[in-house]
């Protein structure tokens, strides 16, 4: 049975307690850390991370 995904590729998200706005670049529904994200840090480095969907929320337009 396939788990329905809470987020979609290219969606802007952030961690529920704050932090950088990230773009969803991949989904791995079979894994616990199933959302692959990417964002740019203060120095301009591109960072890729994996998160559980339960710790992410959609980013609002005022977040950047």
C-alpha atoms as a PDB file:
ATOM      1  CA  UNK A   1       0.000   0.000   0.000  1.00  0.00           C
ATOM      2  CA  UNK A   2       1.499   3.296  -1.083  1.00  0.00           C
ATOM      3  CA  UNK A   3       1.576   6.071   1.504  1.00  0.00           C
ATOM      4  CA  UNK A   4       0.125   9.342   0.210  1.00  0.00           C
ATOM      5  CA  UNK A   5       2.683  12.122   0.270  1.00  0.00           C
ATOM      6  CA  UNK A   6       1.995  15.320   2.177  1.00  0.00           C
ATOM      7  CA  UNK A   7       4.377  17.369   0.002  1.00  0.00           C
ATOM      8  CA  UNK A   8       5.164  17.618  -3.708  1.00  0.00           C
ATOM      9  CA  UNK A   9       8.366  18.256  -5.663  1.00  0.00           C
ATOM     10  CA  UNK A  10       9.208  21.958  -6.062  1.00  0.00           C
ATOM     11  CA  UNK A  11       7.060  22.872  -3.036  1.00  0.00           C
ATOM     12  CA  UNK A  12       8.617  25.348  -0.587  1.00  0.00           C
ATOM     13  CA  UNK A  13       8.783  24.018   2.982  1.00  0.00           C
ATOM     14  CA  UNK A  14      10.513  24.700   6.274  1.00  0.00           C
ATOM     15  CA  UNK A  15      10.888  22.917   9.588  1.00  0.00           C
ATOM     16  CA  UNK A  16       7.934  23.444  11.901  1.00  0.00           C
ATOM     17  CA  UNK A  17      10.104  25.254  14.474  1.00  0.00           C
ATOM     18  CA  UNK A  18      11.661  27.629  11.911  1.00  0.00           C
ATOM     19  CA  UNK A  19      14.800  27.662   9.849  1.00  0.00           C
ATOM     20  CA  UNK A  20      15.552  28.212   6.184  1.00  0.00           C
ATOM     21  CA  UNK A  21      12.922  27.893   3.489  1.00  0.00           C
ATOM     22  CA  UNK A  22      13.774  24.812   1.431  1.00  0.00           C
ATOM     23  CA  UNK A  23      12.588  23.416  -1.887  1.00  0.00           C
ATOM     24  CA  UNK A  24      11.428  19.788  -2.066  1.00  0.00           C
ATOM     25  CA  UNK A  25      13.584  18.104  -4.720  1.00  0.00           C
ATOM     26  CA  UNK A  26      12.701  14.459  -4.114  1.00  0.00           C
ATOM     27  CA  UNK A  27      10.350  12.070  -2.349  1.00  0.00           C
ATOM     28  CA  UNK A  28      11.176   8.621  -0.950  1.00  0.00           C
ATOM     29  CA  UNK A  29       7.884   7.317   0.507  1.00  0.00           C
ATOM     30  CA  UNK A  30       9.437   3.998   1.560  1.00  0.00           C
ATOM     31  CA  UNK A  31      11.903   5.676   3.961  1.00  0.00           C
ATOM     32  CA  UNK A  32      11.403   7.338   7.354  1.00  0.00           C
ATOM     33  CA  UNK A  33      13.310  10.477   6.302  1.00  0.00           C
ATOM     34  CA  UNK A  34      11.292  10.652   3.104  1.00  0.00           C
ATOM     35  CA  UNK A  35      11.484  14.291   1.975  1.00  0.00           C
ATOM     36  CA  UNK A  36      14.653  15.433   0.177  1.00  0.00           C
ATOM     37  CA  UNK A  37      15.152  19.192   0.294  1.00  0.00           C
ATOM     38  CA  UNK A  38      17.631  21.747  -0.942  1.00  0.00           C
ATOM     39  CA  UNK A  39      18.400  25.296   0.201  1.00  0.00           C
ATOM     40  CA  UNK A  40      21.129  27.927   0.040  1.00  0.00           C
ATOM     41  CA  UNK A  41      23.037  28.942   3.180  1.00  0.00           C
ATOM     42  CA  UNK A  42      24.318  32.421   4.089  1.00  0.00           C
ATOM     43  CA  UNK A  43      27.600  31.809   2.222  1.00  0.00           C
ATOM     44  CA  UNK A  44      25.808  30.772  -0.965  1.00  0.00           C
ATOM     45  CA  UNK A  45      26.434  27.026  -0.583  1.00  0.00           C
ATOM     46  CA  UNK A  46      23.695  24.693  -1.829  1.00  0.00           C
ATOM     47  CA  UNK A  47      22.736  22.282   0.964  1.00  0.00           C
ATOM     48  CA  UNK A  48      20.749  19.069   0.497  1.00  0.00           C
ATOM     49  CA  UNK A  49      18.985  17.417   3.426  1.00  0.00           C
ATOM     50  CA  UNK A  50      16.497  14.678   4.240  1.00  0.00           C
ATOM     51  CA  UNK A  51      13.641  15.129   6.690  1.00  0.00           C
ATOM     52  CA  UNK A  52      10.644  13.247   8.002  1.00  0.00           C
ATOM     53  CA  UNK A  53       7.473  14.788   6.586  1.00  0.00           C
ATOM     54  CA  UNK A  54       6.152  15.200  10.143  1.00  0.00           C
ATOM     55  CA  UNK A  55       8.740  17.921  10.949  1.00  0.00           C
ATOM     56  CA  UNK A  56       8.079  20.012   7.823  1.00  0.00           C
ATOM     57  CA  UNK A  57       5.349  22.552   7.098  1.00  0.00           C
ATOM     58  CA  UNK A  58       4.552  24.490   3.916  1.00  0.00           C
ATOM     59  CA  UNK A  59       6.479  27.776   3.786  1.00  0.00           C
ATOM     60  CA  UNK A  60       4.438  30.951   3.601  1.00  0.00           C
ATOM     61  CA  UNK A  61       5.174  33.557   0.940  1.00  0.00           C
ATOM     62  CA  UNK A  62       6.544  35.988   3.545  1.00  0.00           C
ATOM     63  CA  UNK A  63       9.283  33.484   4.506  1.00  0.00           C
ATOM     64  CA  UNK A  64      12.488  33.611   2.494  1.00  0.00           C
END
